[in-house]
Amino acid sequence: DFPNRIASVLFTPGCNLRCPYCYNWRIVVDPKPPFLQEETAFKIL
């Protein structure tokens, strides 16, 4: 996902577009808990 680097990837919920070929559509159309809170994300990273 990040040229020439090993990365962790965070996914934000929701989107203003509705691309019919979207494969992350579950977090786009109707994002459902449990959400990963900011502090927890920092701990994992």
All heavy atoms as atom14 arrays in JSON, in Angstrom:
{
  "sequence": "DFPNRIASVLFTPGCNLRCPYCYNWRIVVDPKPPFLQEETAFKIL",
  "atom14_mask": [
    [1, 1, 1, 1, 1, 1, 1, 1, 0, 0, 0, 0, 0, 0],
    [1, 1, 1, 1, 1, 1, 1, 1, 1, 1, 1, 0, 0, 0],
    [1, 1, 1, 1, 1, 1, 1, 0, 0, 0, 0, 0, 0, 0],
    [1, 1, 1, 1, 1, 1, 1, 1, 0, 0, 0, 0, 0, 0],
    [1, 1, 1, 1, 1, 1, 1, 1, 1, 1, 1, 0, 0, 0],
    [1, 1, 1, 1, 1, 1, 1, 1, 0, 0, 0, 0, 0, 0],
    [1, 1, 1, 1, 1, 0, 0, 0, 0, 0, 0, 0, 0, 0],
    [1, 1, 1, 1, 1, 1, 0, 0, 0, 0, 0, 0, 0, 0],
    [1, 1, 1, 1, 1, 1, 1, 0, 0, 0, 0, 0, 0, 0],
    [1, 1, 1, 1, 1, 1, 1, 1, 0, 0, 0, 0, 0, 0],
    [1, 1, 1, 1, 1, 1, 1, 1, 1, 1, 1, 0, 0, 0],
    [1, 1, 1, 1, 1, 1, 1, 0, 0, 0, 0, 0, 0, 0],
    [1, 1, 1, 1, 1, 1, 1, 0, 0, 0, 0, 0, 0, 0],
    [1, 1, 1, 1, 0, 0, 0, 0, 0, 0, 0, 0, 0, 0],
    [1, 1, 1, 1, 1, 1, 0, 0, 0, 0, 0, 0, 0, 0],
    [1, 1, 1, 1, 1, 1, 1, 1, 0, 0, 0, 0, 0, 0],
    [1, 1, 1, 1, 1, 1, 1, 1, 0, 0, 0, 0, 0, 0],
    [1, 1, 1, 1, 1, 1, 1, 1, 1, 1, 1, 0, 0, 0],
    [1, 1, 1, 1, 1, 1, 0, 0, 0, 0, 0, 0, 0, 0],
    [1, 1, 1, 1, 1, 1, 1, 0, 0, 0, 0, 0, 0, 0],
    [1, 1, 1, 1, 1, 1, 1, 1, 1, 1, 1, 1, 0, 0],
    [1, 1, 1, 1, 1, 1, 0, 0, 0, 0, 0, 0, 0, 0],
    [1, 1, 1, 1, 1, 1, 1, 1, 1, 1, 1, 1, 0, 0],
    [1, 1, 1, 1, 1, 1, 1, 1, 0, 0, 0, 0, 0, 0],
    [1, 1, 1, 1, 1, 1, 1, 1, 1, 1, 1, 1, 1, 1],
    [1, 1, 1, 1, 1, 1, 1, 1, 1, 1, 1, 0, 0, 0],
    [1, 1, 1, 1, 1, 1, 1, 1, 0, 0, 0, 0, 0, 0],
    [1, 1, 1, 1, 1, 1, 1, 0, 0, 0, 0, 0, 0, 0],
    [1, 1, 1, 1, 1, 1, 1, 0, 0, 0, 0, 0, 0, 0],
    [1, 1, 1, 1, 1, 1, 1, 1, 0, 0, 0, 0, 0, 0],
    [1, 1, 1, 1, 1, 1, 1, 0, 0, 0, 0, 0, 0, 0],
    [1, 1, 1, 1, 1, 1, 1, 1, 1, 0, 0, 0, 0, 0],
    [1, 1, 1, 1, 1, 1, 1, 0, 0, 0, 0, 0, 0, 0],
    [1, 1, 1, 1, 1, 1, 1, 0, 0, 0, 0, 0, 0, 0],
    [1, 1, 1, 1, 1, 1, 1, 1, 1, 1, 1, 0, 0, 0],
    [1, 1, 1, 1, 1, 1, 1, 1, 0, 0, 0, 0, 0, 0],
    [1, 1, 1, 1, 1, 1, 1, 1, 1, 0, 0, 0, 0, 0],
    [1, 1, 1, 1, 1, 1, 1, 1, 1, 0, 0, 0, 0, 0],
    [1, 1, 1, 1, 1, 1, 1, 1, 1, 0, 0, 0, 0, 0],
    [1, 1, 1, 1, 1, 1, 1, 0, 0, 0, 0, 0, 0, 0],
    [1, 1, 1, 1, 1, 0, 0, 0, 0, 0, 0, 0, 0, 0],
    [1, 1, 1, 1, 1, 1, 1, 1, 1, 1, 1, 0, 0, 0],
    [1, 1, 1, 1, 1, 1, 1, 1, 1, 0, 0, 0, 0, 0],
    [1, 1, 1, 1, 1, 1, 1, 1, 0, 0, 0, 0, 0, 0],
    [1, 1, 1, 1, 1, 1, 1, 1, 0, 0, 0, 0, 0, 0]
  ],
  "atom14_positions": [
    [[0.79, -1.24, 0.0], [0.0, 0.0, 0.0], [0.82, 1.29, 0.0], [0.31, 2.34, -0.34], [-0.96, 0.0, 1.19], [-2.12, -0.96, 0.97], [-3.07, -0.55, 0.26], [-2.07, -2.1, 1.46], [0.0, 0.0, 0.0], [0.0, 0.0, 0.0], [0.0, 0.0, 0.0], [0.0, 0.0, 0.0], [0.0, 0.0, 0.0], [0.0, 0.0, 0.0]],
    [[2.08, 1.18, 0.42], [2.92, 2.38, 0.52], [4.2, 2.05, -0.24], [4.96, 1.18, 0.16], [3.23, 2.65, 2.0], [3.76, 4.03, 2.31], [3.42, 4.65, 3.51], [4.59, 4.71, 1.44], [3.92, 5.91, 3.84], [5.09, 5.97, 1.75], [4.75, 6.57, 2.95], [0.0, 0.0, 0.0], [0.0, 0.0, 0.0], [0.0, 0.0, 0.0]],
    [[4.46, 2.73, -1.37], [5.63, 2.38, -2.19], [6.91, 2.3, -1.35], [7.23, 3.23, -0.6], [5.7, 3.53, -3.2], [4.29, 4.0, -3.32], [3.68, 3.83, -1.95], [0.0, 0.0, 0.0], [0.0, 0.0, 0.0], [0.0, 0.0, 0.0], [0.0, 0.0, 0.0], [0.0, 0.0, 0.0], [0.0, 0.0, 0.0], [0.0, 0.0, 0.0]],
    [[7.6, 1.18, -1.48], [8.91, 0.96, -0.84], [8.89, 0.95, 0.68], [9.93, 1.15, 1.31], [9.94, 2.0, -1.33], [9.98, 2.07, -2.83], [9.93, 1.03, -3.49], [10.01, 3.27, -3.38], [0.0, 0.0, 0.0], [0.0, 0.0, 0.0], [0.0, 0.0, 0.0], [0.0, 0.0, 0.0], [0.0, 0.0, 0.0], [0.0, 0.0, 0.0]],
    [[7.73, 0.74, 1.28], [7.68, 0.7, 2.74], [6.76, -0.41, 3.22], [5.81, -0.79, 2.54], [7.15, 2.03, 3.31], [8.16, 3.14, 3.26], [7.59, 4.36, 3.97], [8.5, 5.5, 3.92], [9.41, 5.77, 4.84], [9.56, 4.98, 5.88], [10.18, 6.83, 4.73], [0.0, 0.0, 0.0], [0.0, 0.0, 0.0], [0.0, 0.0, 0.0]],
    [[7.06, -0.87, 4.43], [6.14, -1.78, 5.11], [5.24, -0.88, 5.96], [5.74, -0.05, 6.73], [6.91, -2.78, 6.0], [7.83, -3.63, 5.12], [5.93, -3.66, 6.77], [8.81, -4.48, 5.9], [0.0, 0.0, 0.0], [0.0, 0.0, 0.0], [0.0, 0.0, 0.0], [0.0, 0.0, 0.0], [0.0, 0.0, 0.0], [0.0, 0.0, 0.0]],
    [[3.94, -1.04, 5.83], [3.02, -0.1, 6.47], [1.91, -0.84, 7.21], [1.59, -1.99, 6.91], [2.4, 0.82, 5.42], [0.0, 0.0, 0.0], [0.0, 0.0, 0.0], [0.0, 0.0, 0.0], [0.0, 0.0, 0.0], [0.0, 0.0, 0.0], [0.0, 0.0, 0.0], [0.0, 0.0, 0.0], [0.0, 0.0, 0.0], [0.0, 0.0, 0.0]],
    [[1.33, -0.15, 8.18], [0.04, -0.55, 8.72], [-1.01, 0.31, 8.02], [-0.73, 1.46, 7.65], [-0.03, -0.3, 10.23], [0.87, -1.15, 10.9], [0.0, 0.0, 0.0], [0.0, 0.0, 0.0], [0.0, 0.0, 0.0], [0.0, 0.0, 0.0], [0.0, 0.0, 0.0], [0.0, 0.0, 0.0], [0.0, 0.0, 0.0], [0.0, 0.0, 0.0]],
    [[-2.22, -0.23, 7.85], [-3.27, 0.48, 7.12], [-4.47, 0.7, 8.04], [-4.98, -0.25, 8.64], [-3.71, -0.32, 5.88], [-4.73, 0.49, 5.06], [-2.51, -0.68, 5.0], [0.0, 0.0, 0.0], [0.0, 0.0, 0.0], [0.0, 0.0, 0.0], [0.0, 0.0, 0.0], [0.0, 0.0, 0.0], [0.0, 0.0, 0.0], [0.0, 0.0, 0.0]],
    [[-4.9, 1.95, 8.14], [-6.11, 2.3, 8.91], [-7.23, 2.65, 7.94], [-7.01, 3.4, 6.97], [-5.83, 3.51, 9.81], [-4.99, 3.25, 11.06], [-4.54, 4.59, 11.66], [-5.77, 2.45, 12.1], [0.0, 0.0, 0.0], [0.0, 0.0, 0.0], [0.0, 0.0, 0.0], [0.0, 0.0, 0.0], [0.0, 0.0, 0.0], [0.0, 0.0, 0.0]],
    [[-8.42, 2.13, 8.21], [-9.58, 2.36, 7.33], [-10.57, 3.28, 8.03], [-11.07, 2.97, 9.11], [-10.27, 1.03, 7.01], [-9.39, 0.06, 6.26], [-8.55, -0.81, 6.94], [-9.39, 0.04, 4.87], [-7.73, -1.69, 6.25], [-8.57, -0.83, 4.17], [-7.74, -1.71, 4.86], [0.0, 0.0, 0.0], [0.0, 0.0, 0.0], [0.0, 0.0, 0.0]],
    [[-10.87, 4.43, 7.39], [-11.87, 5.34, 7.97], [-13.26, 4.97, 7.46], [-13.42, 4.56, 6.32], [-11.57, 6.8, 7.58], [-11.67, 6.94, 6.16], [-10.19, 7.24, 8.03], [0.0, 0.0, 0.0], [0.0, 0.0, 0.0], [0.0, 0.0, 0.0], [0.0, 0.0, 0.0], [0.0, 0.0, 0.0], [0.0, 0.0, 0.0], [0.0, 0.0, 0.0]],
    [[-14.28, 5.13, 8.3], [-15.64, 4.78, 7.89], [-16.29, 5.86, 7.03], [-16.0, 7.05, 7.19], [-16.38, 4.64, 9.22], [-15.64, 5.51, 10.18], [-14.22, 5.56, 9.72], [0.0, 0.0, 0.0], [0.0, 0.0, 0.0], [0.0, 0.0, 0.0], [0.0, 0.0, 0.0], [0.0, 0.0, 0.0], [0.0, 0.0, 0.0], [0.0, 0.0, 0.0]],
    [[-17.17, 5.45, 6.12], [-17.98, 6.4, 5.35], [-17.28, 6.92, 4.11], [-16.05, 6.97, 4.04], [0.0, 0.0, 0.0], [0.0, 0.0, 0.0], [0.0, 0.0, 0.0], [0.0, 0.0, 0.0], [0.0, 0.0, 0.0], [0.0, 0.0, 0.0], [0.0, 0.0, 0.0], [0.0, 0.0, 0.0], [0.0, 0.0, 0.0], [0.0, 0.0, 0.0]],
    [[-18.09, 7.29, 3.13], [-17.57, 7.88, 1.89], [-18.7, 8.66, 1.24], [-19.88, 8.31, 1.38], [-17.07, 6.79, 0.94], [-16.27, 7.45, -0.55], [0.0, 0.0, 0.0], [0.0, 0.0, 0.0], [0.0, 0.0, 0.0], [0.0, 0.0, 0.0], [0.0, 0.0, 0.0], [0.0, 0.0, 0.0], [0.0, 0.0, 0.0], [0.0, 0.0, 0.0]],
    [[-18.34, 9.71, 0.52], [-19.35, 10.52, -0.18], [-19.72, 9.92, -1.53], [-20.73, 10.31, -2.12], [-18.83, 11.95, -0.38], [-17.54, 11.96, -1.19], [-16.57, 11.28, -0.85], [-17.51, 12.74, -2.25], [0.0, 0.0, 0.0], [0.0, 0.0, 0.0], [0.0, 0.0, 0.0], [0.0, 0.0, 0.0], [0.0, 0.0, 0.0], [0.0, 0.0, 0.0]],
    [[-18.91, 9.0, -2.04], [-19.21, 8.39, -3.35], [-19.79, 6.99, -3.17], [-19.69, 6.39, -2.1], [-17.94, 8.32, -4.21], [-17.27, 9.66, -4.55], [-16.03, 9.43, -5.41], [-18.24, 10.61, -5.25], [0.0, 0.0, 0.0], [0.0, 0.0, 0.0], [0.0, 0.0, 0.0], [0.0, 0.0, 0.0], [0.0, 0.0, 0.0], [0.0, 0.0, 0.0]],
    [[-20.39, 6.49, -4.25], [-20.94, 5.13, -4.24], [-20.49, 4.43, -5.51], [-21.28, 4.2, -6.43], [-22.48, 5.17, -4.17], [-23.05, 5.63, -2.83], [-22.75, 4.64, -1.71], [-23.28, 5.08, -0.42], [-22.6, 5.81, 0.44], [-21.36, 6.22, 0.14], [-23.12, 6.17, 1.6], [0.0, 0.0, 0.0], [0.0, 0.0, 0.0], [0.0, 0.0, 0.0]],
    [[-19.2, 4.11, -5.58], [-18.68, 3.43, -6.76], [-19.22, 2.0, -6.78], [-19.05, 1.28, -5.79], [-17.16, 3.42, -6.74], [-16.46, 5.08, -6.56], [0.0, 0.0, 0.0], [0.0, 0.0, 0.0], [0.0, 0.0, 0.0], [0.0, 0.0, 0.0], [0.0, 0.0, 0.0], [0.0, 0.0, 0.0], [0.0, 0.0, 0.0], [0.0, 0.0, 0.0]],
    [[-19.86, 1.6, -7.86], [-20.49, 0.28, -7.87], [-19.5, -0.87, -7.72], [-19.84, -1.96, -7.28], [-21.19, 0.22, -9.22], [-20.58, 1.29, -10.06], [-20.11, 2.34, -9.11], [0.0, 0.0, 0.0], [0.0, 0.0, 0.0], [0.0, 0.0, 0.0], [0.0, 0.0, 0.0], [0.0, 0.0, 0.0], [0.0, 0.0, 0.0], [0.0, 0.0, 0.0]],
    [[-18.23, -0.59, -8.05], [-17.2, -1.64, -7.99], [-16.39, -1.58, -6.69], [-15.38, -2.26, -6.54], [-16.25, -1.53, -9.19], [-15.71, -0.12, -9.39], [-14.59, 0.32, -8.7], [-16.35, 0.76, -10.26], [-14.12, 1.6, -8.86], [-15.89, 2.06, -10.43], [-14.76, 2.47, -9.73], [-14.32, 3.75, -9.87], [0.0, 0.0, 0.0], [0.0, 0.0, 0.0]],
    [[-16.83, -0.76, -5.72], [-16.12, -0.63, -4.45], [-16.14, -1.96, -3.7], [-17.19, -2.6, -3.61], [-16.79, 0.44, -3.59], [-16.04, 0.65, -1.97], [0.0, 0.0, 0.0], [0.0, 0.0, 0.0], [0.0, 0.0, 0.0], [0.0, 0.0, 0.0], [0.0, 0.0, 0.0], [0.0, 0.0, 0.0], [0.0, 0.0, 0.0], [0.0, 0.0, 0.0]],
    [[-14.99, -2.35, -3.15], [-14.95, -3.59, -2.38], [-14.84, -3.31, -0.88], [-14.9, -4.24, -0.07], [-13.82, -4.52, -2.86], [-12.46, -3.91, -2.74], [-11.71, -4.07, -1.58], [-11.92, -3.13, -3.76], [-10.46, -3.47, -1.44], [-10.68, -2.54, -3.63], [-9.96, -2.71, -2.47], [-8.74, -2.1, -2.34], [0.0, 0.0, 0.0], [0.0, 0.0, 0.0]],
    [[-14.68, -2.04, -0.49], [-14.74, -1.68, 0.94], [-16.14, -1.16, 1.28], [-16.31, -0.39, 2.22], [-13.71, -0.59, 1.27], [-12.34, -1.16, 1.57], [-12.21, -2.37, 1.74], [-11.34, -0.32, 1.63], [0.0, 0.0, 0.0], [0.0, 0.0, 0.0], [0.0, 0.0, 0.0], [0.0, 0.0, 0.0], [0.0, 0.0, 0.0], [0.0, 0.0, 0.0]],
    [[-17.13, -1.57, 0.5], [-18.45, -0.92, 0.58], [-19.13, -1.09, 1.94], [-19.92, -0.25, 2.33], [-19.36, -1.44, -0.53], [-19.61, -2.92, -0.52], [-18.85, -3.88, -1.12], [-20.69, -3.6, 0.11], [-19.38, -5.12, -0.9], [-20.53, -4.99, -0.15], [-21.8, -3.19, 0.86], [-21.41, -5.96, 0.32], [-22.68, -4.15, 1.32], [-22.5, -5.52, 1.06]],
    [[-18.79, -2.12, 2.69], [-19.45, -2.29, 3.99], [-19.12, -1.14, 4.94], [-19.97, -0.72, 5.72], [-19.07, -3.63, 4.62], [-19.79, -4.78, 3.97], [-19.43, -6.12, 4.59], [-20.17, -7.19, 3.94], [-19.84, -7.72, 2.76], [-18.79, -7.26, 2.12], [-20.56, -8.69, 2.24], [0.0, 0.0, 0.0], [0.0, 0.0, 0.0], [0.0, 0.0, 0.0]],
    [[-17.89, -0.64, 4.88], [-17.54, 0.48, 5.77], [-17.94, 1.82, 5.16], [-17.87, 2.85, 5.8], [-16.04, 0.49, 6.15], [-15.14, 0.8, 4.94], [-15.63, -0.83, 6.78], [-13.69, 1.05, 5.32], [0.0, 0.0, 0.0], [0.0, 0.0, 0.0], [0.0, 0.0, 0.0], [0.0, 0.0, 0.0], [0.0, 0.0, 0.0], [0.0, 0.0, 0.0]],
    [[-18.38, 1.77, 3.89], [-18.78, 3.0, 3.19], [-20.27, 3.25, 3.38], [-20.7, 4.34, 3.74], [-18.44, 2.86, 1.69], [-19.23, 3.84, 0.85], [-16.94, 3.07, 1.47], [0.0, 0.0, 0.0], [0.0, 0.0, 0.0], [0.0, 0.0, 0.0], [0.0, 0.0, 0.0], [0.0, 0.0, 0.0], [0.0, 0.0, 0.0], [0.0, 0.0, 0.0]],
    [[-21.07, 2.22, 3.14], [-22.52, 2.41, 3.05], [-23.15, 2.53, 4.44], [-23.99, 3.38, 4.68], [-23.15, 1.22, 2.28], [-24.66, 1.33, 2.27], [-22.62, 1.2, 0.85], [0.0, 0.0, 0.0], [0.0, 0.0, 0.0], [0.0, 0.0, 0.0], [0.0, 0.0, 0.0], [0.0, 0.0, 0.0], [0.0, 0.0, 0.0], [0.0, 0.0, 0.0]],
    [[-22.73, 1.67, 5.35], [-23.37, 1.64, 6.66], [-22.35, 1.21, 7.7], [-22.38, 0.07, 8.17], [-24.56, 0.67, 6.61], [-25.35, 0.68, 7.91], [-25.2, 1.66, 8.68], [-26.08, -0.3, 8.17], [0.0, 0.0, 0.0], [0.0, 0.0, 0.0], [0.0, 0.0, 0.0], [0.0, 0.0, 0.0], [0.0, 0.0, 0.0], [0.0, 0.0, 0.0]],
    [[-21.42, 2.1, 8.04], [-20.34, 1.7, 8.95], [-20.91, 1.28, 10.3], [-21.71, 2.0, 10.89], [-19.49, 2.97, 9.1], [-19.94, 3.89, 8.03], [-21.35, 3.53, 7.69], [0.0, 0.0, 0.0], [0.0, 0.0, 0.0], [0.0, 0.0, 0.0], [0.0, 0.0, 0.0], [0.0, 0.0, 0.0], [0.0, 0.0, 0.0], [0.0, 0.0, 0.0]],
    [[-20.53, 0.1, 10.76], [-21.09, -0.44, 12.0], [-19.99, -0.57, 13.06], [-18.86, -0.9, 12.74], [-21.64, -1.85, 11.73], [-22.85, -1.87, 10.79], [-23.99, -2.6, 11.47], [-25.19, -2.91, 10.6], [-25.46, -2.09, 9.45], [0.0, 0.0, 0.0], [0.0, 0.0, 0.0], [0.0, 0.0, 0.0], [0.0, 0.0, 0.0], [0.0, 0.0, 0.0]],
    [[-20.36, -0.32, 14.32], [-19.42, -0.6, 15.41], [-19.14, -2.11, 15.45], [-19.9, -2.86, 14.84], [-20.16, -0.16, 16.67], [-21.39, 0.56, 16.2], [-21.64, 0.18, 14.79], [0.0, 0.0, 0.0], [0.0, 0.0, 0.0], [0.0, 0.0, 0.0], [0.0, 0.0, 0.0], [0.0, 0.0, 0.0], [0.0, 0.0, 0.0], [0.0, 0.0, 0.0]],
    [[-18.13, -2.57, 16.16], [-17.25, -1.75, 17.0], [-16.23, -0.97, 16.16], [-15.66, -1.53, 15.24], [-16.53, -2.81, 17.86], [-16.52, -4.04, 17.0], [-17.77, -3.99, 16.18], [0.0, 0.0, 0.0], [0.0, 0.0, 0.0], [0.0, 0.0, 0.0], [0.0, 0.0, 0.0], [0.0, 0.0, 0.0], [0.0, 0.0, 0.0], [0.0, 0.0, 0.0]],
    [[-16.07, 0.31, 16.5], [-15.04, 1.1, 15.84], [-13.75, 1.03, 16.66], [-13.78, 0.84, 17.87], [-15.49, 2.56, 15.72], [-16.64, 2.74, 14.78], [-17.9, 3.05, 15.25], [-16.46, 2.58, 13.41], [-18.97, 3.2, 14.37], [-17.51, 2.73, 12.53], [-18.78, 3.04, 13.01], [0.0, 0.0, 0.0], [0.0, 0.0, 0.0], [0.0, 0.0, 0.0]],
    [[-12.66, 1.18, 15.96], [-11.35, 1.24, 16.61], [-11.11, 2.69, 17.01], [-11.07, 3.57, 16.15], [-10.29, 0.76, 15.61], [-8.83, 0.8, 16.02], [-8.57, -0.22, 17.12], [-7.95, 0.5, 14.81], [0.0, 0.0, 0.0], [0.0, 0.0, 0.0], [0.0, 0.0, 0.0], [0.0, 0.0, 0.0], [0.0, 0.0, 0.0], [0.0, 0.0, 0.0]],
    [[-11.0, 2.95, 18.28], [-10.82, 4.32, 18.76], [-9.37, 4.77, 18.5], [-8.45, 3.96, 18.44], [-11.15, 4.43, 20.24], [-12.58, 4.02, 20.6], [-13.65, 4.85, 19.89], [-13.47, 6.04, 19.64], [-14.78, 4.23, 19.56], [0.0, 0.0, 0.0], [0.0, 0.0, 0.0], [0.0, 0.0, 0.0], [0.0, 0.0, 0.0], [0.0, 0.0, 0.0]],
    [[-9.24, 6.09, 18.39], [-7.93, 6.68, 18.08], [-6.83, 6.19, 19.02], [-5.75, 5.79, 18.58], [-8.07, 8.2, 18.16], [-6.88, 8.96, 17.69], [-7.15, 10.46, 17.62], [-8.02, 10.91, 16.85], [-6.47, 11.18, 18.38], [0.0, 0.0, 0.0], [0.0, 0.0, 0.0], [0.0, 0.0, 0.0], [0.0, 0.0, 0.0], [0.0, 0.0, 0.0]],
    [[-7.12, 6.21, 20.33], [-6.09, 5.82, 21.29], [-5.65, 4.38, 21.11], [-4.47, 4.05, 21.21], [-6.6, 6.01, 22.72], [-6.44, 7.43, 23.21], [-7.42, 7.76, 24.32], [-7.62, 6.91, 25.21], [-7.99, 8.87, 24.28], [0.0, 0.0, 0.0], [0.0, 0.0, 0.0], [0.0, 0.0, 0.0], [0.0, 0.0, 0.0], [0.0, 0.0, 0.0]],
    [[-6.63, 3.51, 20.85], [-6.31, 2.09, 20.63], [-5.47, 1.93, 19.37], [-4.52, 1.15, 19.34], [-7.61, 1.28, 20.49], [-8.52, 1.68, 21.52], [-7.35, -0.2, 20.61], [0.0, 0.0, 0.0], [0.0, 0.0, 0.0], [0.0, 0.0, 0.0], [0.0, 0.0, 0.0], [0.0, 0.0, 0.0], [0.0, 0.0, 0.0], [0.0, 0.0, 0.0]],
    [[-5.82, 2.69, 18.33], [-5.05, 2.64, 17.08], [-3.59, 3.01, 17.35], [-2.67, 2.32, 16.9], [-5.66, 3.57, 16.05], [0.0, 0.0, 0.0], [0.0, 0.0, 0.0], [0.0, 0.0, 0.0], [0.0, 0.0, 0.0], [0.0, 0.0, 0.0], [0.0, 0.0, 0.0], [0.0, 0.0, 0.0], [0.0, 0.0, 0.0], [0.0, 0.0, 0.0]],
    [[-3.38, 4.09, 18.13], [-2.01, 4.5, 18.45], [-1.27, 3.4, 19.22], [-0.1, 3.14, 18.96], [-2.0, 5.8, 19.25], [-2.21, 7.02, 18.41], [-3.15, 7.99, 18.77], [-1.47, 7.22, 17.25], [-3.34, 9.12, 17.98], [-1.65, 8.35, 16.47], [-2.6, 9.29, 16.83], [0.0, 0.0, 0.0], [0.0, 0.0, 0.0], [0.0, 0.0, 0.0]],
    [[-1.97, 2.77, 20.16], [-1.33, 1.69, 20.94], [-0.86, 0.57, 20.03], [0.26, 0.07, 20.16], [-2.31, 1.14, 21.98], [-2.43, 2.0, 23.21], [-3.03, 1.21, 24.38], [-3.31, 2.13, 25.56], [-4.72, 2.54, 25.64], [0.0, 0.0, 0.0], [0.0, 0.0, 0.0], [0.0, 0.0, 0.0], [0.0, 0.0, 0.0], [0.0, 0.0, 0.0]],
    [[-1.74, 0.16, 19.12], [-1.38, -0.94, 18.2], [-0.18, -0.53, 17.34], [0.77, -1.28, 17.18], [-2.59, -1.31, 17.3], [-3.73, -1.88, 18.13], [-2.17, -2.32, 16.22], [-5.05, -2.04, 17.37], [0.0, 0.0, 0.0], [0.0, 0.0, 0.0], [0.0, 0.0, 0.0], [0.0, 0.0, 0.0], [0.0, 0.0, 0.0], [0.0, 0.0, 0.0]],
    [[-0.23, 0.69, 16.81], [0.85, 1.15, 15.92], [2.17, 1.23, 16.68], [3.21, 0.8, 16.19], [0.49, 2.51, 15.32], [-0.71, 2.51, 14.35], [-1.12, 3.93, 14.01], [-0.39, 1.72, 13.08], [0.0, 0.0, 0.0], [0.0, 0.0, 0.0], [0.0, 0.0, 0.0], [0.0, 0.0, 0.0], [0.0, 0.0, 0.0], [0.0, 0.0, 0.0]]
  ]
}
